[in-house]
C-alpha atoms as a PDB file:
ATOM      1  CA  PHE A   1      -0.239   0.066  -0.090  1.00  0.00           C
ATOM      2  CA  PHE A   2       3.154   2.505   0.617  1.00  0.00           C
ATOM      3  CA  TYR A   3       4.315   1.632  -2.648  1.00  0.00           C
ATOM      4  CA  LYS A   4       1.152   2.189  -4.464  1.00  0.00           C
ATOM      5  CA  ASN A   5      -0.049   5.315  -2.727  1.00  0.00           C
ATOM      6  CA  LEU A   6       2.516   8.300  -3.383  1.00  0.00           C
ATOM      7  CA  SER A   7       0.264  10.994  -1.674  1.00  0.00           C
ATOM      8  CA  SER A   8       1.526   9.501   1.528  1.00  0.00           C
ATOM      9  CA  VAL A   9       5.432   9.958   0.459  1.00  0.00           C
ATOM     10  CA  PRO A  10       6.586  13.768   0.354  1.00  0.00           C
ATOM     11  CA  GLN A  11       7.093  14.811  -2.519  1.00  0.00           C
ATOM     12  CA  GLN A  12      11.167  15.142  -2.292  1.00  0.00           C
ATOM     13  CA  CYS A  13      11.336  11.481  -1.882  1.00  0.00           C
ATOM     14  CA  VAL A  14       9.737  10.974  -5.272  1.00  0.00           C
ATOM     15  CA  PHE A  15      11.631  10.424  -8.292  1.00  0.00           C
ATOM     16  CA  ARG A  16      10.769  12.402 -10.991  1.00  0.00           C
ATOM     17  CA  GLY A  17       7.197  13.232  -9.368  1.00  0.00           C
ATOM     18  CA  GLU A  18       6.042   9.724 -10.288  1.00  0.00           C
ATOM     19  CA  HIS A  19       8.230   6.800  -9.344  1.00  0.00           C
ATOM     20  CA  LEU A  20       9.350   5.816  -5.432  1.00  0.00           C
ATOM     21  CA  LEU A  21      12.537   4.012  -5.264  1.00  0.00           C
ATOM     22  CA  ASN A  22      13.206   1.117  -3.917  1.00  0.00           C
ATOM     23  CA  VAL A  23      16.707   1.159  -2.866  1.00  0.00           C
ATOM     24  CA  ARG A  24      18.974  -1.588  -1.020  1.00  0.00           C
ATOM     25  CA  GLU A  25      22.157  -2.847  -1.048  1.00  0.00           C
ATOM     26  CA  PRO A  26      23.190  -5.292  -3.582  1.00  0.00           C
ATOM     27  CA  ARG A  27      24.704  -8.647  -2.808  1.00  0.00           C
ATOM     28  CA  GLU A  28      28.714  -9.375  -2.980  1.00  0.00           C
ATOM     29  CA  PRO A  29      30.364 -10.224  -6.534  1.00  0.00           C
ATOM     30  CA  ASP A  30      31.415 -13.443  -4.781  1.00  0.00           C
ATOM     31  CA  SER A  31      28.254 -14.581  -3.248  1.00  0.00           C
ATOM     32  CA  LEU A  32      26.746 -14.965  -6.566  1.00  0.00           C
ATOM     33  CA  ARG A  33      26.316 -18.089  -8.698  1.00  0.00           C
ATOM     34  CA  TRP A  34      26.445 -16.238 -12.038  1.00  0.00           C
ATOM     35  CA  LEU A  35      26.520 -19.981 -14.180  1.00  0.00           C
ATOM     36  CA  ASP A  36      23.225 -21.036 -12.749  1.00  0.00           C
ATOM     37  CA  TYR A  37      21.729 -17.318 -13.203  1.00  0.00           C
ATOM     38  CA  GLN A  38      20.305 -18.764 -16.785  1.00  0.00           C
ATOM     39  CA  ASP A  39      18.420 -21.545 -15.303  1.00  0.00           C
ATOM     40  CA  THR A  40      14.340 -21.233 -15.098  1.00  0.00           C
ATOM     41  CA  LYS A  41      12.472 -21.482 -11.970  1.00  0.00           C
ATOM     42  CA  MET A  42      10.898 -24.926 -12.817  1.00  0.00           C
ATOM     43  CA  ARG A  43      14.582 -26.312 -13.332  1.00  0.00           C
ATOM     44  CA  ARG A  44      15.336 -25.344 -10.096  1.00  0.00           C
ATOM     45  CA  VAL A  45      12.219 -26.617  -8.254  1.00  0.00           C
ATOM     46  CA  LYS A  46      12.917 -29.983 -10.650  1.00  0.00           C
ATOM     47  CA  LEU A  47      16.602 -30.211  -9.193  1.00  0.00           C
ATOM     48  CA  LEU A  48      15.573 -29.802  -5.668  1.00  0.00           C
ATOM     49  CA  LEU A  49      12.538 -32.716  -5.892  1.00  0.00           C
ATOM     50  CA  ILE A  50      15.102 -34.953  -7.248  1.00  0.00           C
ATOM     51  CA  THR A  51      18.052 -34.278  -5.123  1.00  0.00           C
ATOM     52  CA  THR A  52      15.386 -34.246  -1.838  1.00  0.00           C
ATOM     53  CA  PHE A  53      13.865 -37.919  -2.508  1.00  0.00           C
ATOM     54  CA  ILE A  54      17.557 -39.331  -2.837  1.00  0.00           C
ATOM     55  CA  HIS A  55      18.335 -37.765   0.456  1.00  0.00           C
ATOM     56  CA  LEU A  56      15.314 -38.889   1.841  1.00  0.00           C
ATOM     57  CA  VAL A  57      15.741 -42.453   0.336  1.00  0.00           C
ATOM     58  CA  VAL A  58      18.844 -42.793   1.916  1.00  0.00           C
ATOM     59  CA  VAL A  59      18.155 -41.065   5.269  1.00  0.00           C
ATOM     60  CA  LEU A  60      15.427 -44.030   5.550  1.00  0.00           C
ATOM     61  CA  ALA A  61      17.908 -47.063   4.376  1.00  0.00           C
ATOM     62  CA  GLY A  62      20.128 -45.382   7.711  1.00  0.00           C
ATOM     63  CA  CYS A  63      17.394 -45.840   9.734  1.00  0.00           C
ATOM     64  CA  ILE A  64      16.249 -49.264   8.778  1.00  0.00           C
ATOM     65  CA  ILE A  65      19.639 -50.251   9.362  1.00  0.00           C
ATOM     66  CA  VAL A  66      20.404 -48.888  13.153  1.00  0.00           C
ATOM     67  CA  PHE A  67      16.713 -50.162  14.029  1.00  0.00           C
ATOM     68  CA  TYR A  68      18.154 -53.725  12.646  1.00  0.00           C
ATOM     69  CA  LEU A  69      20.789 -53.456  14.805  1.00  0.00           C
ATOM     70  CA  LYS A  70      18.912 -52.401  18.112  1.00  0.00           C
ATOM     71  CA  HIS A  71      16.492 -55.380  17.128  1.00  0.00           C
ATOM     72  CA  ASP A  72      19.564 -57.824  17.403  1.00  0.00           C
ATOM     73  CA  GLY A  73      20.654 -56.676  20.204  1.00  0.00           C
ATOM     74  CA  PHE A  74      23.723 -54.587  19.928  1.00  0.00           C
ATOM     75  CA  SER A  75      25.153 -52.197  22.785  1.00  0.00           C
ATOM     76  CA  SER A  76      24.183 -48.797  23.075  1.00  0.00           C
ATOM     77  CA  THR A  77      27.672 -47.634  22.201  1.00  0.00           C
ATOM     78  CA  THR A  78      27.666 -49.583  18.915  1.00  0.00           C
ATOM     79  CA  ILE A  79      24.522 -48.134  17.862  1.00  0.00           C
ATOM     80  CA  ALA A  80      25.648 -44.680  18.522  1.00  0.00           C
ATOM     81  CA  LEU A  81      28.795 -45.522  16.364  1.00  0.00           C
ATOM     82  CA  ALA A  82      26.193 -46.680  13.713  1.00  0.00           C
ATOM     83  CA  ILE A  83      24.226 -43.247  13.825  1.00  0.00           C
ATOM     84  CA  THR A  84      27.462 -41.618  13.396  1.00  0.00           C
ATOM     85  CA  MET A  85      28.617 -43.025  10.721  1.00  0.00           C
ATOM     86  CA  SER A  86      25.423 -42.666   8.772  1.00  0.00           C
ATOM     87  CA  ASN A  87      25.373 -39.373   9.744  1.00  0.00           C
ATOM     88  CA  THR A  88      28.873 -39.313   8.333  1.00  0.00           C
ATOM     89  CA  PHE A  89      27.965 -40.726   5.252  1.00  0.00           C
ATOM     90  CA  SER A  90      24.639 -38.569   4.670  1.00  0.00           C
ATOM     91  CA  TYR A  91      26.710 -35.517   5.445  1.00  0.00           C
ATOM     92  CA  TYR A  92      28.952 -36.395   2.077  1.00  0.00           C
ATOM     93  CA  LEU A  93      26.155 -37.399   0.217  1.00  0.00           C
ATOM     94  CA  ILE A  94      24.160 -33.967   0.917  1.00  0.00           C
ATOM     95  CA  TYR A  95      27.365 -31.931  -0.502  1.00  0.00           C
ATOM     96  CA  PHE A  96      27.363 -34.396  -3.190  1.00  0.00           C
ATOM     97  CA  LEU A  97      23.757 -33.865  -4.376  1.00  0.00           C
ATOM     98  CA  ILE A  98      24.046 -30.001  -3.650  1.00  0.00           C
ATOM     99  CA  GLY A  99      26.558 -29.651  -6.042  1.00  0.00           C
ATOM    100  CA  PHE A 100      23.357 -30.787  -8.947  1.00  0.00           C
ATOM    101  CA  GLU A 101      21.372 -28.230  -7.685  1.00  0.00           C
ATOM    102  CA  SER A 102      20.804 -24.418  -9.058  1.00  0.00           C
ATOM    103  CA  HIS A 103      21.055 -21.620  -6.896  1.00  0.00           C
ATOM    104  CA  ALA A 104      21.005 -17.912  -7.665  1.00  0.00           C
ATOM    105  CA  THR A 105      23.008 -17.257  -4.650  1.00  0.00           C
ATOM    106  CA  GLU A 106      25.481 -18.646  -2.579  1.00  0.00           C
ATOM    107  CA  GLY A 107      23.172 -17.818   0.627  1.00  0.00           C
ATOM    108  CA  SER A 108      20.751 -19.895  -0.950  1.00  0.00           C
ATOM    109  CA  LYS A 109      22.796 -22.498  -1.410  1.00  0.00           C
ATOM    110  CA  GLN A 110      23.969 -22.278   2.128  1.00  0.00           C
ATOM    111  CA  THR A 111      20.508 -22.157   3.459  1.00  0.00           C
ATOM    112  CA  SER A 112      19.465 -25.403   1.689  1.00  0.00           C
ATOM    113  CA  LEU A 113      22.728 -27.492   2.562  1.00  0.00           C
ATOM    114  CA  TYR A 114      22.041 -26.169   6.221  1.00  0.00           C
ATOM    115  CA  VAL A 115      18.275 -27.376   6.118  1.00  0.00           C
ATOM    116  CA  ARG A 116      18.628 -30.743   4.976  1.00  0.00           C
ATOM    117  CA  LEU A 117      22.173 -31.226   7.091  1.00  0.00           C
ATOM    118  CA  THR A 118      20.023 -30.174   9.762  1.00  0.00           C
ATOM    119  CA  ALA A 119      16.899 -31.954   9.517  1.00  0.00           C
ATOM    120  CA  SER A 120      18.834 -35.041   8.814  1.00  0.00           C
ATOM    121  CA  LEU A 121      20.974 -34.929  12.078  1.00  0.00           C
ATOM    122  CA  TRP A 122      17.497 -34.375  14.218  1.00  0.00           C
ATOM    123  CA  LEU A 123      15.674 -37.127  12.953  1.00  0.00           C
ATOM    124  CA  GLN A 124      19.145 -40.036  13.043  1.00  0.00           C
ATOM    125  CA  THR A 125      20.345 -38.793  15.899  1.00  0.00           C
ATOM    126  CA  THR A 126      17.820 -37.567  18.619  1.00  0.00           C
ATOM    127  CA  ILE A 127      14.129 -38.689  17.119  1.00  0.00           C
ATOM    128  CA  LEU A 128      15.264 -42.174  15.428  1.00  0.00           C
ATOM    129  CA  THR A 129      17.156 -42.725  19.273  1.00  0.00           C
ATOM    130  CA  ALA A 130      13.945 -42.551  20.788  1.00  0.00           C
ATOM    131  CA  ILE A 131      11.943 -44.409  18.389  1.00  0.00           C
ATOM    132  CA  ILE A 132      14.136 -47.602  18.451  1.00  0.00           C
ATOM    133  CA  THR A 133      14.561 -47.553  22.510  1.00  0.00           C
ATOM    134  CA  PRO A 134      11.371 -49.670  24.358  1.00  0.00           C
ATOM    135  CA  TRP A 135       9.538 -47.351  26.463  1.00  0.00           C
ATOM    136  CA  SER A 136      10.606 -49.599  29.597  1.00  0.00           C
ATOM    137  CA  ASP A 137      13.850 -48.867  29.112  1.00  0.00           C
ATOM    138  CA  ARG A 138      14.504 -45.239  29.305  1.00  0.00           C
ATOM    139  CA  LEU A 139      15.519 -44.968  32.556  1.00  0.00           C
ATOM    140  CA  ASN A 140      17.886 -48.218  31.921  1.00  0.00           C
ATOM    141  CA  ASP A 141      21.531 -47.399  32.851  1.00  0.00           C
ATOM    142  CA  GLY A 142      22.962 -50.828  30.936  1.00  0.00           C
ATOM    143  CA  SER A 143      24.503 -51.088  28.029  1.00  0.00           C
ATOM    144  CA  THR A 144      21.353 -51.228  26.007  1.00  0.00           C
ATOM    145  CA  GLY A 145      19.327 -48.269  27.792  1.00  0.00           C
ATOM    146  CA  LEU A 146      18.386 -44.899  26.560  1.00  0.00           C
ATOM    147  CA  LEU A 147      20.186 -42.998  28.552  1.00  0.00           C
ATOM    148  CA  GLN A 148      24.023 -44.797  27.342  1.00  0.00           C
ATOM    149  CA  SER A 149      22.618 -44.200  24.050  1.00  0.00           C
ATOM    150  CA  ILE A 150      22.606 -40.371  24.702  1.00  0.00           C
ATOM    151  CA  TYR A 151      25.713 -40.166  26.549  1.00  0.00           C
ATOM    152  CA  ALA A 152      27.428 -41.901  23.882  1.00  0.00           C
ATOM    153  CA  ILE A 153      26.473 -39.472  21.133  1.00  0.00           C
ATOM    154  CA  PHE A 154      27.334 -36.810  23.103  1.00  0.00           C
ATOM    155  CA  VAL A 155      30.830 -38.113  23.529  1.00  0.00           C
ATOM    156  CA  PHE A 156      30.852 -38.732  19.547  1.00  0.00           C
ATOM    157  CA  GLU A 157      29.506 -35.277  19.010  1.00  0.00           C
ATOM    158  CA  ILE A 158      32.339 -33.937  21.300  1.00  0.00           C
ATOM    159  CA  ILE A 159      35.052 -35.602  19.650  1.00  0.00           C
ATOM    160  CA  ARG A 160      34.744 -36.525  16.293  1.00  0.00           C
ATOM    161  CA  GLY A 161      33.580 -32.915  15.117  1.00  0.00           C
ATOM    162  CA  PRO A 162      36.550 -30.798  16.367  1.00  0.00           C
ATOM    163  CA  VAL A 163      39.276 -33.410  15.972  1.00  0.00           C
ATOM    164  CA  MET A 164      39.007 -33.987  12.529  1.00  0.00           C
ATOM    165  CA  GLN A 165      38.432 -29.695  12.047  1.00  0.00           C
ATOM    166  CA  VAL A 166      41.842 -29.478  14.125  1.00  0.00           C
ATOM    167  CA  VAL A 167      43.878 -32.601  12.265  1.00  0.00           C
ATOM    168  CA  ASP A 168      42.893 -30.949   8.606  1.00  0.00           C
ATOM    169  CA  ILE A 169      43.653 -33.769   6.718  1.00  0.00           C
ATOM    170  CA  PRO A 170      43.176 -32.153   3.092  1.00  0.00           C
ATOM    171  CA  GLY A 171      44.920 -29.189   4.049  1.00  0.00           C
ATOM    172  CA  ASN A 172      47.947 -30.679   5.780  1.00  0.00           C
ATOM    173  CA  PHE A 173      47.978 -33.374   2.770  1.00  0.00           C
ATOM    174  CA  ASN A 174      48.294 -30.239   0.257  1.00  0.00           C
ATOM    175  CA  ARG A 175      50.546 -28.341   2.053  1.00  0.00           C
ATOM    176  CA  HIS A 176      52.949 -31.208   3.265  1.00  0.00           C
ATOM    177  CA  PHE A 177      52.773 -33.585  -0.116  1.00  0.00           C
ATOM    178  CA  PHE A 178      51.095 -31.862  -3.154  1.00  0.00           C
ATOM    179  CA  ALA A 179      53.023 -28.673  -2.318  1.00  0.00           C
ATOM    180  CA  PRO A 180      56.492 -29.825  -2.747  1.00  0.00           C
ATOM    181  CA  ARG A 181      55.866 -31.832  -5.693  1.00  0.00           C
ATOM    182  CA  ALA A 182      54.301 -28.436  -7.659  1.00  0.00           C
ATOM    183  CA  PRO A 183      55.731 -28.057 -10.822  1.00  0.00           C
ATOM    184  CA  ASP A 184      55.682 -24.175 -10.563  1.00  0.00           C
ATOM    185  CA  GLN A 185      55.617 -21.593  -8.016  1.00  0.00           C
ATOM    186  CA  ARG A 186      52.160 -20.532  -9.208  1.00  0.00           C
ATOM    187  CA  ARG A 187      50.759 -24.333  -8.359  1.00  0.00           C
ATOM    188  CA  MET A 188      52.583 -24.802  -5.371  1.00  0.00           C
ATOM    189  CA  ASN A 189      51.044 -21.285  -3.756  1.00  0.00           C
ATOM    190  CA  LEU A 190      47.563 -22.729  -4.782  1.00  0.00           C
ATOM    191  CA  CYS A 191      48.174 -25.744  -2.129  1.00  0.00           C
ATOM    192  CA  PHE A 192      48.520 -22.949   0.385  1.00  0.00           C
ATOM    193  CA  GLN A 193      45.067 -21.437   0.120  1.00  0.00           C
ATOM    194  CA  GLY A 194      43.790 -23.564   2.854  1.00  0.00           C
ATOM    195  CA  THR A 195      40.500 -25.613   3.247  1.00  0.00           C
ATOM    196  CA  LYS A 196      37.657 -24.472   2.500  1.00  0.00           C
ATOM    197  CA  TYR A 197      34.542 -24.825   5.108  1.00  0.00           C
ATOM    198  CA  SER A 198      31.249 -24.159   4.967  1.00  0.00           C
ATOM    199  CA  LEU A 199      28.882 -21.839   6.988  1.00  0.00           C
ATOM    200  CA  ALA A 200      25.728 -24.213   7.102  1.00  0.00           C
ATOM    201  CA  ASP A 201      27.820 -26.869   8.579  1.00  0.00           C
ATOM    202  CA  ARG A 202      28.729 -24.537  11.863  1.00  0.00           C
ATOM    203  CA  TYR A 203      25.002 -23.801  11.877  1.00  0.00           C
ATOM    204  CA  LYS A 204      24.209 -27.428  11.731  1.00  0.00           C
ATOM    205  CA  SER A 205      26.597 -28.207  14.380  1.00  0.00           C
ATOM    206  CA  MET A 206      25.274 -25.812  17.038  1.00  0.00           C
ATOM    207  CA  THR A 207      21.563 -26.885  16.379  1.00  0.00           C
ATOM    208  CA  ASN A 208      21.922 -30.107  16.657  1.00  0.00           C
ATOM    209  CA  ILE A 209      23.502 -30.170  20.219  1.00  0.00           C
ATOM    210  CA  LEU A 210      21.132 -27.753  21.205  1.00  0.00           C
ATOM    211  CA  PHE A 211      18.432 -29.965  19.579  1.00  0.00           C
ATOM    212  CA  LEU A 212      19.767 -33.317  21.380  1.00  0.00           C
ATOM    213  CA  THR A 213      20.117 -31.572  24.636  1.00  0.00           C
ATOM    214  CA  PHE A 214      16.652 -30.311  24.672  1.00  0.00           C
ATOM    215  CA  TYR A 215      15.025 -33.202  23.412  1.00  0.00           C
ATOM    216  CA  TYR A 216      16.188 -35.294  26.510  1.00  0.00           C
ATOM    217  CA  SER A 217      16.870 -32.834  29.061  1.00  0.00           C
ATOM    218  CA  SER A 218      13.898 -34.168  31.504  1.00  0.00           C
ATOM    219  CA  ILE A 219      15.528 -37.733  31.490  1.00  0.00           C
ATOM    220  CA  PHE A 220      18.979 -36.626  31.159  1.00  0.00           C
ATOM    221  CA  PRO A 221      19.524 -33.290  32.638  1.00  0.00           C
ATOM    222  CA  GLY A 222      23.072 -33.889  32.659  1.00  0.00           C
ATOM    223  CA  GLY A 223      23.182 -33.300  29.035  1.00  0.00           C
ATOM    224  CA  PHE A 224      22.779 -29.503  29.830  1.00  0.00           C
ATOM    225  CA  LEU A 225      26.583 -29.553  30.704  1.00  0.00           C
ATOM    226  CA  LEU A 226      27.716 -31.904  28.080  1.00  0.00           C
ATOM    227  CA  SER A 227      26.175 -29.201  25.634  1.00  0.00           C
ATOM    228  CA  ALA A 228      27.882 -26.404  27.031  1.00  0.00           C
ATOM    229  CA  LEU A 229      31.526 -28.502  26.962  1.00  0.00           C
ATOM    230  CA  ALA A 230      30.801 -29.572  23.266  1.00  0.00           C
ATOM    231  CA  LEU A 231      29.574 -25.866  22.717  1.00  0.00           C
ATOM    232  CA  ALA A 232      32.648 -24.425  23.712  1.00  0.00           C
ATOM    233  CA  ILE A 233      35.181 -27.188  22.096  1.00  0.00           C
ATOM    234  CA  HIS A 234      33.234 -26.536  18.847  1.00  0.00           C
ATOM    235  CA  TYR A 235      33.445 -22.751  19.408  1.00  0.00           C
ATOM    236  CA  TRP A 236      37.758 -22.820  19.884  1.00  0.00           C
ATOM    237  CA  ALA A 237      37.881 -25.396  17.039  1.00  0.00           C
ATOM    238  CA  ASP A 238      35.984 -22.959  15.074  1.00  0.00           C
ATOM    239  CA  LYS A 239      38.114 -20.301  15.700  1.00  0.00           C
ATOM    240  CA  PHE A 240      41.362 -21.749  15.360  1.00  0.00           C
ATOM    241  CA  CYS A 241      40.465 -23.137  12.160  1.00  0.00           C
ATOM    242  CA  ILE A 242      39.120 -19.577  10.514  1.00  0.00           C
ATOM    243  CA  LEU A 243      42.223 -17.997  11.968  1.00  0.00           C
ATOM    244  CA  ARG A 244      44.646 -20.377  10.830  1.00  0.00           C
ATOM    245  CA  SER A 245      43.849 -23.331   8.108  1.00  0.00           C
ATOM    246  CA  TRP A 246      40.426 -22.423   6.623  1.00  0.00           C
ATOM    247  CA  THR A 247      40.269 -20.076   3.437  1.00  0.00           C
ATOM    248  CA  GLN A 248      37.965 -17.290   2.986  1.00  0.00           C
ATOM    249  CA  ILE A 249      34.812 -18.119   1.890  1.00  0.00           C
ATOM    250  CA  PRO A 250      31.844 -16.266  -0.360  1.00  0.00           C
ATOM    251  CA  SER A 251      29.654 -13.906   1.789  1.00  0.00           C
ATOM    252  CA  PRO A 252      26.604 -16.340   2.545  1.00  0.00           C
ATOM    253  CA  GLY A 253      24.473 -13.426   3.914  1.00  0.00           C
ATOM    254  CA  ALA A 254      21.809 -13.118   6.742  1.00  0.00           C
ATOM    255  CA  ASN A 255      19.597 -16.341   5.262  1.00  0.00           C
ATOM    256  CA  ILE A 256      21.286 -18.868   7.665  1.00  0.00           C
ATOM    257  CA  ALA A 257      20.816 -17.015  10.783  1.00  0.00           C
ATOM    258  CA  LYS A 258      17.214 -16.870  10.087  1.00  0.00           C
ATOM    259  CA  PHE A 259      16.388 -20.060   9.124  1.00  0.00           C
ATOM    260  CA  SER A 260      18.565 -21.266  12.001  1.00  0.00           C
ATOM    261  CA  GLY A 261      16.220 -19.151  14.190  1.00  0.00           C
ATOM    262  CA  TYR A 262      13.015 -21.500  12.630  1.00  0.00           C
ATOM    263  CA  PHE A 263      15.216 -24.788  13.677  1.00  0.00           C
ATOM    264  CA  LEU A 264      15.883 -22.864  17.499  1.00  0.00           C
ATOM    265  CA  MET A 265      12.010 -22.259  18.153  1.00  0.00           C
ATOM    266  CA  ALA A 266      11.255 -25.761  16.670  1.00  0.00           C
ATOM    267  CA  ALA A 267      13.638 -27.121  19.077  1.00  0.00           C
ATOM    268  CA  ILE A 268      12.171 -25.361  22.158  1.00  0.00           C
ATOM    269  CA  LEU A 269       8.782 -26.752  20.897  1.00  0.00           C
ATOM    270  CA  PHE A 270      10.094 -30.327  20.830  1.00  0.00           C
ATOM    271  CA  PHE A 271      11.498 -29.067  24.404  1.00  0.00           C
ATOM    272  CA  VAL A 272       7.969 -28.715  26.198  1.00  0.00           C
ATOM    273  CA  VAL A 273       6.031 -31.152  24.295  1.00  0.00           C
ATOM    274  CA  VAL A 274       8.517 -33.934  24.861  1.00  0.00           C
ATOM    275  CA  SER A 275       9.564 -33.010  28.516  1.00  0.00           C
ATOM    276  CA  THR A 276       5.602 -33.276  29.181  1.00  0.00           C
ATOM    277  CA  TYR A 277       5.660 -36.439  27.687  1.00  0.00           C
ATOM    278  CA  MET A 278       8.423 -37.971  29.553  1.00  0.00           C
ATOM    279  CA  PHE A 279       7.156 -36.624  33.042  1.00  0.00           C
ATOM    280  CA  ALA A 280       4.027 -38.024  32.453  1.00  0.00           C
ATOM    281  CA  GLY A 281       5.723 -41.436  31.628  1.00  0.00           C
ATOM    282  CA  PHE A 282       7.662 -41.480  34.971  1.00  0.00           C
ATOM    283  CA  PRO A 283       8.459 -44.092  35.891  1.00  0.00           C
ATOM    284  CA  PHE A 284       8.836 -45.697  32.415  1.00  0.00           C
ATOM    285  CA  ASP A 285       7.420 -49.080  33.835  1.00  0.00           C
ATOM    286  CA  ASN A 286       4.387 -49.470  31.802  1.00  0.00           C
ATOM    287  CA  ALA A 287       2.226 -50.394  34.927  1.00  0.00           C
ATOM    288  CA  CYS A 288      -0.857 -48.661  34.014  1.00  0.00           C
ATOM    289  CA  ARG A 289      -1.474 -49.613  30.047  1.00  0.00           C
ATOM    290  CA  LYS A 290      -5.092 -48.320  30.385  1.00  0.00           C
ATOM    291  CA  CYS A 291      -6.095 -44.728  31.534  1.00  0.00           C
ATOM    292  CA  THR A 292      -9.224 -45.108  34.487  1.00  0.00           C
ATOM    293  CA  PHE A 293     -10.884 -42.910  35.370  1.00  0.00           C
END
């Protein structure tokens, strides 16, 4: 309404007496994906649907594998390791599928990557663990109990990501193996550019840890301490890698920050609903199968 009703705008703010300009800051040139600008909207939607379908099939297959491991009586540590391996495979698969999608800006690509990574981790790491655990084993301290599974997942989240970042196998391999064997100075300098990182991956790690903490907070309150430890380790590992070993990336804009807010609100909603459900189920002994009034 404001743009159409020029009578409400001061005359000195109207361009040539009839146009109201909408001025905004342009995107950074390095954040534009120039090769994808020629693609139509229909082609972008089609590629998005195809990659989403493949992603869902692979995630479902990983959930089935974890379900059968639980059904065959494997320990919680083994199941947590299987979940971590499934998440790692899904991680690389999502990066591979994103390469086939068409996005006009780097921010759009990073947002799509963040949504896929976060949704996959929430399903395979947190929700799947609750589904495959029998109701009466929620408070079991044994090797097959839910508490042991949650603790093992926290340990893997604390160790796996930061260690792989700091070790930086691809970067060290380029600097210490390929660089001395480069045929000229230009190609040797390219080996010292640093490892390319993804902002979507950093947001994904944070929201996944918070969601795991909120989801099981009623039966595993120690998760808040482990979550604080995990976030602190991730922060210092990210800071070290950004300043010392990672390369500079194109500006992704604020799209990921906005979508992360939606995921955090969803995590809080899960926190309220699941906590109510968990408190109603104490002491998880299935003593009352039917409600009588």
